[in-house]
């Protein structure tokens, strides 16, 4: 059995590709390298457009938030050192800056995710703080995850109608088999999106191309579970919409079978679109996942490879230069803040 929204088949193999694998990966991106190099968009233009409404805390939830804020010194005390395994993948000179991460908005997301229960919220926050201290997700080195981006199978580029960062997923471009490094790339991408959210934006949108979807190029249940655990435990309330483009009948049938078991809040975030079809007619069945593409995206800012009008074509050399520059700027800003 495989996961629904796979970004690659997971098997136990070494993290670093051998020479033949790397040559094959380069060959897959060669065609894109001959096209005009359009740089990725990491910064959202100031817009008067609407933002996704963030659910306000109830009076009781606000009290929980204030109580936790008063206990921040306790929450961030006695943090674990960087995990020995994590040291292989992170830049240890990047400051941790837990205080900068632990904003009112961050605490509010944990309060909402834990249904306003004080003990559960405090435990979840402490768990995430310890995880960030031990694994340093914000300090993952670009060179560690570069192989995961060579073919453009998943990457952040641009924003949707509500100014949410868009993560494109083209699972048929899969090029690696090592599950832990695939997850590192997902975490890196989430951290990148979060750094570039404009004020008032807290969630990301997934644009998932399933044109060539199949069980053979989806992640294993074990890898998917590990990723979902990280997402729910350490990035709560971060998913805005998961938009599945042109889902094949097999995919839709499988989703229909499992959807009754999906949490209603999560299920409401999943949408299916057929971009070239007319907008679906209004129905009394409010649980239908089918929407018009314009509900979430402006066509001119949606990639052509994902049925939009934007002529962006993934070029690894150009994209990775932007990633390296952004990482250097982030590191410099954190060092300046520390000093």
Protein backbone atom coordinates (compact mmCIF):
# COMPACT_ATOMS: atom_id res chain seq x y z
CA UNK A 1 0.00 0.00 0.00
CA UNK A 2 1.27 3.48 -0.86
CA UNK A 3 0.55 7.02 0.29
CA UNK A 4 -1.70 9.41 -1.59
CA UNK A 5 0.58 12.36 -2.08
CA UNK A 6 3.93 10.69 -2.81
CA UNK A 7 7.07 12.51 -3.89
CA UNK A 8 9.13 9.38 -4.53
CA UNK A 9 9.47 5.70 -3.91
CA UNK A 10 11.23 5.02 -0.62
CA UNK A 11 13.77 2.25 -0.34
CA UNK A 12 16.76 1.70 1.88
CA UNK A 13 19.77 2.90 -0.13
CA UNK A 14 22.74 5.15 0.63
CA UNK A 15 22.05 8.89 0.88
CA UNK A 16 24.68 9.85 -1.67
CA UNK A 17 24.14 8.84 -5.32
CA UNK A 18 26.80 6.97 -7.22
CA UNK A 19 28.35 8.37 -10.40
CA UNK A 20 25.86 6.71 -12.75
CA UNK A 21 22.87 7.96 -10.75
CA UNK A 22 24.20 11.50 -10.75
CA UNK A 23 24.82 11.39 -14.50
CA UNK A 24 21.26 10.21 -15.02
CA UNK A 25 19.93 13.02 -12.84
CA UNK A 26 21.92 15.59 -14.82
CA UNK A 27 20.57 14.16 -18.05
CA UNK A 28 17.00 14.56 -16.83
CA UNK A 29 17.50 18.28 -16.23
CA UNK A 30 19.48 18.94 -19.42
CA UNK A 31 16.39 19.75 -21.48
CA UNK A 32 15.28 22.36 -18.96
CA UNK A 33 18.72 23.96 -18.97
CA UNK A 34 18.32 24.93 -22.64
CA UNK A 35 15.17 26.96 -21.94
CA UNK A 36 15.23 30.64 -20.89
CA UNK A 37 16.25 30.69 -17.26
CA UNK A 38 13.45 32.22 -15.20
CA UNK A 39 14.49 32.62 -11.55
CA UNK A 40 12.22 31.29 -8.81
CA UNK A 41 10.00 33.66 -6.84
CA UNK A 42 10.69 33.51 -3.10
CA UNK A 43 9.31 36.91 -2.09
CA UNK A 44 5.64 37.82 -2.21
CA UNK A 45 4.83 41.16 -3.82
CA UNK A 46 2.89 43.54 -1.59
CA UNK A 47 -0.74 43.11 -2.52
CA UNK A 48 -4.09 44.44 -1.51
CA UNK A 49 -5.54 41.01 -2.13
CA UNK A 50 -7.15 38.92 0.62
CA UNK A 51 -5.18 36.72 3.00
CA UNK A 52 -6.39 33.42 4.42
CA UNK A 53 -8.37 34.16 7.53
CA UNK A 54 -6.62 32.93 10.66
CA UNK A 55 -9.04 31.58 13.23
CA UNK A 56 -9.02 33.80 16.31
CA UNK A 57 -8.37 32.18 19.66
CA UNK A 58 -11.26 31.88 22.05
CA UNK A 59 -11.03 33.59 25.42
CA UNK A 60 -9.98 30.31 27.05
CA UNK A 61 -7.39 29.63 24.35
CA UNK A 62 -6.00 33.15 24.77
CA UNK A 63 -5.54 32.47 28.47
CA UNK A 64 -3.58 29.33 27.61
CA UNK A 65 -1.38 31.35 25.26
CA UNK A 66 -0.68 34.00 27.92
CA UNK A 67 0.07 31.33 30.52
CA UNK A 68 2.56 29.66 28.20
CA UNK A 69 4.20 32.98 27.30
CA UNK A 70 4.86 33.53 31.00
CA UNK A 71 6.61 30.15 31.11
CA UNK A 72 8.92 30.64 28.10
CA UNK A 73 12.09 30.70 30.24
CA UNK A 74 11.14 27.26 31.55
CA UNK A 75 10.23 26.00 28.07
CA UNK A 76 13.60 26.90 26.56
CA UNK A 77 15.78 25.86 29.51
CA UNK A 78 18.21 22.92 29.43
CA UNK A 79 17.97 22.25 25.70
CA UNK A 80 19.72 19.21 24.22
CA UNK A 81 22.86 19.67 22.11
CA UNK A 82 22.90 19.03 18.39
CA UNK A 83 22.39 15.35 17.70
CA UNK A 84 25.56 13.62 16.49
CA UNK A 85 23.76 12.30 13.42
CA UNK A 86 22.31 15.74 12.65
CA UNK A 87 25.80 17.25 12.67
CA UNK A 88 26.44 15.51 9.35
CA UNK A 89 23.73 17.55 7.67
CA UNK A 90 23.61 21.00 9.28
CA UNK A 91 25.72 24.14 9.44
CA UNK A 92 26.49 24.32 13.16
CA UNK A 93 27.47 27.99 12.91
CA UNK A 94 23.85 29.01 12.19
CA UNK A 95 22.38 30.30 15.47
CA UNK A 96 19.45 28.38 16.98
CA UNK A 97 17.31 31.46 17.87
CA UNK A 98 14.52 29.61 19.66
CA UNK A 99 13.27 32.91 21.08
CA UNK A 100 12.79 34.23 17.54
CA UNK A 101 10.89 31.08 16.57
CA UNK A 102 8.64 31.12 19.66
CA UNK A 103 6.41 34.03 18.62
CA UNK A 104 2.83 34.66 19.71
CA UNK A 105 1.69 33.35 16.30
CA UNK A 106 3.72 30.16 16.79
CA UNK A 107 2.27 29.53 20.24
CA UNK A 108 -1.24 30.21 18.91
CA UNK A 109 -0.81 27.53 16.22
CA UNK A 110 0.09 24.98 18.88
CA UNK A 111 -2.83 26.10 21.06
CA UNK A 112 -5.27 25.59 18.15
CA UNK A 113 -3.69 22.27 17.14
CA UNK A 114 -3.99 20.95 20.71
CA UNK A 115 -7.61 22.14 21.08
CA UNK A 116 -6.72 24.71 23.73
CA UNK A 117 -5.60 22.12 26.29
CA UNK A 118 -2.83 23.73 28.34
CA UNK A 119 -0.84 20.60 29.26
CA UNK A 120 -0.99 19.19 25.73
CA UNK A 121 0.06 22.52 24.21
CA UNK A 122 2.99 22.97 26.58
CA UNK A 123 4.22 19.40 26.01
CA UNK A 124 3.94 19.78 22.24
CA UNK A 125 5.88 23.05 22.27
CA UNK A 126 8.63 21.63 24.45
CA UNK A 127 8.85 18.59 22.16
CA UNK A 128 9.27 20.83 19.11
CA UNK A 129 11.78 23.07 20.87
CA UNK A 130 13.90 20.04 21.78
CA UNK A 131 13.56 18.71 18.22
CA UNK A 132 14.72 22.01 16.73
CA UNK A 133 17.64 22.19 19.16
CA UNK A 134 18.74 18.62 18.39
CA UNK A 135 18.17 18.52 14.61
CA UNK A 136 18.46 22.24 13.58
CA UNK A 137 16.01 22.04 10.63
CA UNK A 138 16.58 25.72 9.82
CA UNK A 139 20.31 25.03 9.44
CA UNK A 140 20.19 22.10 7.00
CA UNK A 141 22.96 22.65 4.48
CA UNK A 142 21.94 23.11 0.83
CA UNK A 143 24.64 20.71 -0.37
CA UNK A 144 23.07 17.90 1.68
CA UNK A 145 19.69 18.12 -0.03
CA UNK A 146 20.74 19.32 -3.49
CA UNK A 147 20.40 15.86 -5.03
CA UNK A 148 16.72 15.87 -4.06
CA UNK A 149 16.13 19.00 -6.13
CA UNK A 150 18.06 18.14 -9.28
CA UNK A 151 15.05 17.11 -11.34
CA UNK A 152 12.57 19.59 -9.90
CA UNK A 153 10.36 16.95 -8.32
CA UNK A 154 9.37 19.27 -5.45
CA UNK A 155 10.20 22.90 -4.75
CA UNK A 156 8.86 26.22 -3.47
CA UNK A 157 8.11 28.78 -6.15
CA UNK A 158 5.66 31.69 -5.98
CA UNK A 159 2.39 32.26 -4.16
CA UNK A 160 -1.30 31.50 -4.50
CA UNK A 161 -4.24 33.93 -4.48
CA UNK A 162 -4.07 34.25 -0.69
CA UNK A 163 -0.31 34.97 -0.73
CA UNK A 164 0.50 31.51 0.60
CA UNK A 165 3.81 29.99 -0.60
CA UNK A 166 3.26 27.29 -3.23
CA UNK A 167 5.14 23.99 -3.11
CA UNK A 168 5.01 22.23 -6.48
CA UNK A 169 5.15 18.43 -6.46
CA UNK A 170 5.87 16.47 -9.66
CA UNK A 171 6.28 12.92 -8.41
CA UNK A 172 7.06 11.52 -11.87
CA UNK A 173 10.36 13.43 -11.72
CA UNK A 174 11.56 11.19 -8.89
CA UNK A 175 15.33 10.71 -8.87
CA UNK A 176 16.32 9.34 -5.44
CA UNK A 177 15.48 6.42 -3.19
CA UNK A 178 16.84 7.36 0.24
CA UNK A 179 13.83 8.22 2.45
CA UNK A 180 15.59 10.20 5.18
CA UNK A 181 17.14 12.62 2.70
CA UNK A 182 13.80 12.99 0.91
CA UNK A 183 12.29 14.05 4.23
CA UNK A 184 15.19 16.47 4.84
CA UNK A 185 14.34 18.16 1.54
CA UNK A 186 10.68 18.46 2.54
CA UNK A 187 11.71 19.99 5.88
CA UNK A 188 14.17 22.33 4.14
CA UNK A 189 11.41 23.45 1.76
CA UNK A 190 8.95 24.07 4.60
CA UNK A 191 11.52 26.15 6.49
CA UNK A 192 12.24 28.11 3.29
CA UNK A 193 8.53 28.81 2.77
CA UNK A 194 8.07 29.93 6.37
CA UNK A 195 10.98 32.36 6.12
CA UNK A 196 9.31 33.99 3.13
CA UNK A 197 5.75 34.26 4.40
CA UNK A 198 4.51 37.82 4.41
CA UNK A 199 2.95 39.12 7.66
CA UNK A 200 -0.48 37.62 8.16
CA UNK A 201 0.32 34.41 6.26
CA UNK A 202 0.95 31.18 8.16
CA UNK A 203 0.17 28.35 5.74
CA UNK A 204 1.48 26.79 2.53
CA UNK A 205 -0.32 25.46 -0.53
CA UNK A 206 0.66 22.23 -2.27
CA UNK A 207 0.25 22.03 -6.05
CA UNK A 208 0.38 18.31 -6.82
CA UNK A 209 0.62 17.16 -10.42
CA UNK A 210 -0.69 13.59 -10.64
CA UNK A 211 -0.65 13.32 -14.43
CA UNK A 212 1.74 10.36 -14.21
CA UNK A 213 0.76 9.20 -10.74
CA UNK A 214 1.08 5.55 -9.85
CA UNK A 215 1.77 3.34 -6.86
CA UNK A 216 5.28 2.71 -8.24
CA UNK A 217 6.34 6.35 -7.77
CA UNK A 218 4.70 7.05 -4.41
CA UNK A 219 6.40 6.90 -1.04
CA UNK A 220 6.03 3.93 1.24
CA UNK A 221 3.58 4.06 4.13
CA UNK A 222 6.50 4.11 6.58
CA UNK A 223 8.14 7.14 4.97
CA UNK A 224 4.81 8.94 4.61
CA UNK A 225 4.01 8.33 8.27
CA UNK A 226 7.37 9.70 9.36
CA UNK A 227 6.82 12.83 7.28
CA UNK A 228 3.27 13.28 8.57
CA UNK A 229 4.48 12.87 12.15
CA UNK A 230 7.01 15.67 11.62
CA UNK A 231 4.39 17.84 9.95
CA UNK A 232 1.75 17.38 12.66
CA UNK A 233 4.14 17.52 15.62
CA UNK A 234 6.50 20.30 14.54
CA UNK A 235 4.65 22.26 11.83
CA UNK A 236 1.05 22.31 13.11
CA UNK A 237 -1.51 24.47 11.32
CA UNK A 238 0.85 25.02 8.39
CA UNK A 239 -1.10 23.33 5.57
CA UNK A 240 -3.49 25.66 3.84
CA UNK A 241 -4.54 23.67 0.77
CA UNK A 242 -3.40 20.54 -1.05
CA UNK A 243 -4.56 20.93 -4.66
CA UNK A 244 -4.36 17.79 -6.78
CA UNK A 245 -4.24 18.49 -10.53
CA UNK A 246 -5.88 16.09 -13.00
CA UNK A 247 -6.17 13.15 -10.61
CA UNK A 248 -6.54 9.83 -12.48
CA UNK A 249 -9.56 7.64 -11.78
CA UNK A 250 -7.46 5.21 -9.74
CA UNK A 251 -6.30 8.06 -7.51
CA UNK A 252 -9.84 9.44 -7.06
CA UNK A 253 -11.17 5.96 -6.32
CA UNK A 254 -8.48 5.31 -3.73
CA UNK A 255 -9.11 8.70 -2.12
CA UNK A 256 -12.85 7.97 -1.95
CA UNK A 257 -12.10 4.80 -0.02
CA UNK A 258 -9.83 6.40 2.57
CA UNK A 259 -11.42 9.85 2.88
CA UNK A 260 -14.02 8.76 5.49
CA UNK A 261 -11.11 8.01 7.81
CA UNK A 262 -9.36 11.37 7.30
CA UNK A 263 -9.77 14.06 9.92
CA UNK A 264 -12.50 16.47 8.68
CA UNK A 265 -10.25 19.51 9.11
CA UNK A 266 -7.53 17.92 6.97
CA UNK A 267 -10.01 16.57 4.43
CA UNK A 268 -11.41 20.06 3.89
CA UNK A 269 -7.96 21.17 2.75
CA UNK A 270 -7.73 18.59 -0.05
CA UNK A 271 -9.00 19.75 -3.46
CA UNK A 272 -9.11 18.21 -6.94
CA UNK A 273 -9.04 20.25 -10.15
CA UNK A 274 -9.24 19.67 -13.89
CA UNK A 275 -7.86 23.00 -15.13
CA UNK A 276 -9.20 22.72 -18.68
CA UNK A 277 -12.75 21.87 -17.61
CA UNK A 278 -15.40 24.44 -16.71
CA UNK A 279 -15.76 25.31 -13.06
CA UNK A 280 -17.71 22.57 -11.26
CA UNK A 281 -21.36 23.37 -10.77
CA UNK A 282 -22.49 24.30 -7.29
CA UNK A 283 -23.83 21.28 -5.48
CA UNK A 284 -25.64 20.62 -2.27
CA UNK A 285 -22.85 18.14 -1.54
CA UNK A 286 -20.47 20.48 0.25
CA UNK A 287 -18.06 17.61 0.87
CA UNK A 288 -17.06 17.36 -2.79
CA UNK A 289 -13.31 17.96 -3.19
CA UNK A 290 -13.64 19.32 -6.76
CA UNK A 291 -12.97 23.04 -7.22
CA UNK A 292 -12.13 25.47 -10.02
CA UNK A 293 -8.41 26.21 -10.31
CA UNK A 294 -9.17 29.95 -10.00
CA UNK A 295 -10.43 29.38 -6.49
CA UNK A 296 -6.86 28.96 -5.33
CA UNK A 297 -4.54 30.23 -8.09
CA UNK A 298 -4.23 33.08 -10.53
CA UNK A 299 -3.43 31.41 -13.86
CA UNK A 300 -0.65 33.88 -14.64
CA UNK A 301 1.21 32.93 -11.45
CA UNK A 302 0.67 29.19 -11.82
CA UNK A 303 3.40 27.24 -13.59
CA UNK A 304 2.72 26.09 -17.13
CA UNK A 305 3.84 22.58 -16.17
CA UNK A 306 0.98 22.66 -13.67
CA UNK A 307 -1.61 23.91 -16.18
CA UNK A 308 -1.11 27.63 -15.59
CA UNK A 309 0.09 30.44 -17.86
CA UNK A 310 3.43 31.19 -16.16
CA UNK A 311 6.25 30.10 -18.49
CA UNK A 312 8.52 29.11 -15.59
CA UNK A 313 10.46 25.93 -16.30
CA UNK A 314 12.57 24.38 -13.60
CA UNK A 315 16.28 25.00 -14.19
CA UNK A 316 18.39 23.42 -11.46
CA UNK A 317 21.42 25.66 -11.87
CA UNK A 318 19.34 28.83 -11.58
CA UNK A 319 17.12 27.50 -8.80
CA UNK A 320 20.02 26.23 -6.73
CA UNK A 321 21.92 29.50 -7.01
CA UNK A 322 18.84 31.18 -5.50
CA UNK A 323 18.75 28.54 -2.72
CA UNK A 324 22.43 29.03 -1.85
CA UNK A 325 22.11 32.81 -1.87
CA UNK A 326 19.02 32.66 0.34
CA UNK A 327 20.73 30.34 2.83
CA UNK A 328 23.76 32.64 3.04
CA UNK A 329 21.52 35.66 3.63
CA UNK A 330 19.51 33.83 6.30
CA UNK A 331 22.67 32.73 8.10
CA UNK A 332 24.12 36.26 7.99
CA UNK A 333 20.89 37.75 9.37
CA UNK A 334 20.81 35.29 12.28
CA UNK A 335 24.47 35.93 13.07
CA UNK A 336 23.85 39.67 13.02
CA UNK A 337 20.86 39.23 15.32
CA UNK A 338 22.96 37.15 17.70
CA UNK A 339 25.62 39.85 17.86
